[in-house]
N, C-alpha and C. Protein backbone atom coordinates (compact mmCIF):
# COMPACT_ATOMS: atom_id res chain seq x y z
N MET A 1 -2.51 18.43 4.72
CA MET A 1 -1.16 18.92 4.49
C MET A 1 -0.34 17.81 3.82
N ALA A 2 0.43 18.15 2.83
CA ALA A 2 1.18 17.16 2.06
C ALA A 2 2.33 16.54 2.84
N ASP A 3 2.79 17.21 3.90
CA ASP A 3 3.93 16.70 4.67
C ASP A 3 3.54 15.65 5.70
N GLU A 4 2.25 15.44 5.90
CA GLU A 4 1.80 14.47 6.90
C GLU A 4 1.95 13.05 6.36
N LEU A 5 2.38 12.16 7.22
CA LEU A 5 2.50 10.76 6.85
C LEU A 5 1.13 10.10 6.97
N PRO A 6 0.86 9.12 6.12
CA PRO A 6 -0.41 8.41 6.25
C PRO A 6 -0.41 7.57 7.52
N THR A 7 -1.59 7.37 8.07
CA THR A 7 -1.70 6.49 9.23
C THR A 7 -1.54 5.05 8.76
N ARG A 8 -1.37 4.16 9.71
CA ARG A 8 -1.25 2.74 9.39
C ARG A 8 -2.50 2.26 8.65
N ASP A 9 -3.67 2.67 9.14
CA ASP A 9 -4.93 2.26 8.51
C ASP A 9 -5.07 2.80 7.09
N GLN A 10 -4.63 4.04 6.88
CA GLN A 10 -4.68 4.61 5.53
C GLN A 10 -3.76 3.84 4.59
N ALA A 11 -2.57 3.52 5.05
CA ALA A 11 -1.61 2.79 4.22
C ALA A 11 -2.15 1.40 3.88
N LEU A 12 -2.74 0.73 4.87
CA LEU A 12 -3.33 -0.59 4.61
C LEU A 12 -4.49 -0.49 3.63
N SER A 13 -5.28 0.55 3.76
CA SER A 13 -6.40 0.76 2.85
C SER A 13 -5.91 0.94 1.42
N HIS A 14 -4.85 1.71 1.25
CA HIS A 14 -4.27 1.89 -0.09
C HIS A 14 -3.76 0.56 -0.64
N ALA A 15 -3.09 -0.22 0.20
CA ALA A 15 -2.56 -1.51 -0.24
C ALA A 15 -3.68 -2.44 -0.68
N VAL A 16 -4.74 -2.51 0.10
CA VAL A 16 -5.87 -3.38 -0.23
C VAL A 16 -6.52 -2.94 -1.54
N ARG A 17 -6.73 -1.64 -1.69
CA ARG A 17 -7.34 -1.11 -2.91
C ARG A 17 -6.49 -1.46 -4.13
N LEU A 18 -5.18 -1.32 -4.00
CA LEU A 18 -4.29 -1.64 -5.12
C LEU A 18 -4.28 -3.14 -5.42
N LEU A 19 -4.32 -3.96 -4.40
CA LEU A 19 -4.35 -5.41 -4.63
C LEU A 19 -5.64 -5.83 -5.33
N HIS A 20 -6.75 -5.21 -4.98
CA HIS A 20 -8.01 -5.51 -5.67
C HIS A 20 -7.92 -5.09 -7.14
N TRP A 21 -7.29 -3.95 -7.38
CA TRP A 21 -7.10 -3.47 -8.75
C TRP A 21 -6.21 -4.45 -9.52
N ALA A 22 -5.12 -4.88 -8.90
CA ALA A 22 -4.20 -5.80 -9.55
C ALA A 22 -4.89 -7.12 -9.88
N GLU A 23 -5.74 -7.56 -8.97
CA GLU A 23 -6.47 -8.82 -9.16
C GLU A 23 -7.35 -8.77 -10.41
N ALA A 24 -7.90 -7.60 -10.68
CA ALA A 24 -8.81 -7.45 -11.83
C ALA A 24 -8.07 -7.10 -13.12
N GLU A 25 -6.80 -6.78 -13.02
CA GLU A 25 -6.02 -6.35 -14.19
C GLU A 25 -5.69 -7.53 -15.10
N THR A 26 -5.86 -7.34 -16.40
CA THR A 26 -5.55 -8.42 -17.36
C THR A 26 -4.18 -8.25 -17.99
N ASP A 27 -3.61 -7.07 -17.91
CA ASP A 27 -2.27 -6.81 -18.44
C ASP A 27 -1.25 -7.20 -17.37
N LEU A 28 -0.47 -8.24 -17.63
CA LEU A 28 0.46 -8.79 -16.63
C LEU A 28 1.46 -7.75 -16.13
N ALA A 29 2.03 -6.97 -17.04
CA ALA A 29 3.01 -5.97 -16.63
C ALA A 29 2.38 -4.93 -15.71
N LYS A 30 1.18 -4.51 -16.04
CA LYS A 30 0.47 -3.53 -15.20
C LYS A 30 0.14 -4.15 -13.83
N MET A 31 -0.31 -5.40 -13.86
CA MET A 31 -0.64 -6.09 -12.62
C MET A 31 0.57 -6.16 -11.70
N GLU A 32 1.73 -6.45 -12.26
CA GLU A 32 2.95 -6.54 -11.46
C GLU A 32 3.32 -5.19 -10.86
N ARG A 33 3.18 -4.13 -11.64
CA ARG A 33 3.51 -2.78 -11.12
C ARG A 33 2.55 -2.37 -10.01
N VAL A 34 1.28 -2.66 -10.19
CA VAL A 34 0.30 -2.31 -9.16
C VAL A 34 0.55 -3.13 -7.89
N THR A 35 0.92 -4.39 -8.05
CA THR A 35 1.24 -5.23 -6.90
C THR A 35 2.46 -4.69 -6.17
N GLU A 36 3.45 -4.21 -6.91
CA GLU A 36 4.63 -3.61 -6.28
C GLU A 36 4.25 -2.37 -5.48
N LEU A 37 3.35 -1.55 -6.02
CA LEU A 37 2.88 -0.38 -5.28
C LEU A 37 2.16 -0.80 -4.00
N ALA A 38 1.36 -1.85 -4.10
CA ALA A 38 0.66 -2.36 -2.91
C ALA A 38 1.67 -2.81 -1.87
N ASP A 39 2.75 -3.45 -2.30
CA ASP A 39 3.80 -3.88 -1.37
C ASP A 39 4.44 -2.69 -0.67
N VAL A 40 4.62 -1.60 -1.40
CA VAL A 40 5.19 -0.39 -0.80
C VAL A 40 4.25 0.13 0.29
N TRP A 41 2.96 0.21 -0.01
CA TRP A 41 2.00 0.69 0.99
C TRP A 41 1.94 -0.25 2.19
N ALA A 42 2.03 -1.55 1.96
CA ALA A 42 2.05 -2.50 3.08
C ALA A 42 3.30 -2.28 3.93
N GLY A 43 4.42 -1.99 3.28
CA GLY A 43 5.65 -1.68 4.01
C GLY A 43 5.52 -0.42 4.85
N ILE A 44 4.87 0.59 4.29
CA ILE A 44 4.64 1.83 5.04
C ILE A 44 3.77 1.53 6.26
N ALA A 45 2.74 0.71 6.07
CA ALA A 45 1.88 0.35 7.19
C ALA A 45 2.68 -0.37 8.27
N GLY A 46 3.58 -1.25 7.85
CA GLY A 46 4.42 -1.96 8.81
C GLY A 46 5.32 -1.02 9.58
N LEU A 47 5.89 -0.04 8.89
CA LEU A 47 6.74 0.95 9.56
C LEU A 47 5.93 1.79 10.53
N GLN A 48 4.71 2.14 10.13
CA GLN A 48 3.86 2.92 11.03
C GLN A 48 3.52 2.10 12.27
N GLY A 49 3.30 0.80 12.10
CA GLY A 49 3.03 -0.07 13.24
C GLY A 49 4.22 -0.14 14.18
N GLU A 50 5.43 -0.23 13.61
CA GLU A 50 6.64 -0.26 14.43
C GLU A 50 6.83 1.07 15.15
N HIS A 51 6.56 2.16 14.44
CA HIS A 51 6.72 3.50 15.02
C HIS A 51 5.77 3.68 16.21
N ARG A 52 4.58 3.13 16.09
CA ARG A 52 3.57 3.24 17.14
C ARG A 52 4.01 2.50 18.40
N GLU A 53 4.75 1.38 18.21
CA GLU A 53 5.18 0.56 19.35
C GLU A 53 6.35 1.17 20.10
N VAL A 54 7.14 2.02 19.45
CA VAL A 54 8.35 2.59 20.06
C VAL A 54 8.01 3.64 21.07
């Protein structure tokens, strides 16, 4: 279902995958955009971790 939020593990997995992609990217602008996306997924994982603790 599209309305479901990703789990913390899913968000971390997306972040790691994007960081690996950014690491291999030779276009600096693209690398920066992919890294920003990875940061967003890491932030989502952090929020999911906080939500779990509440």
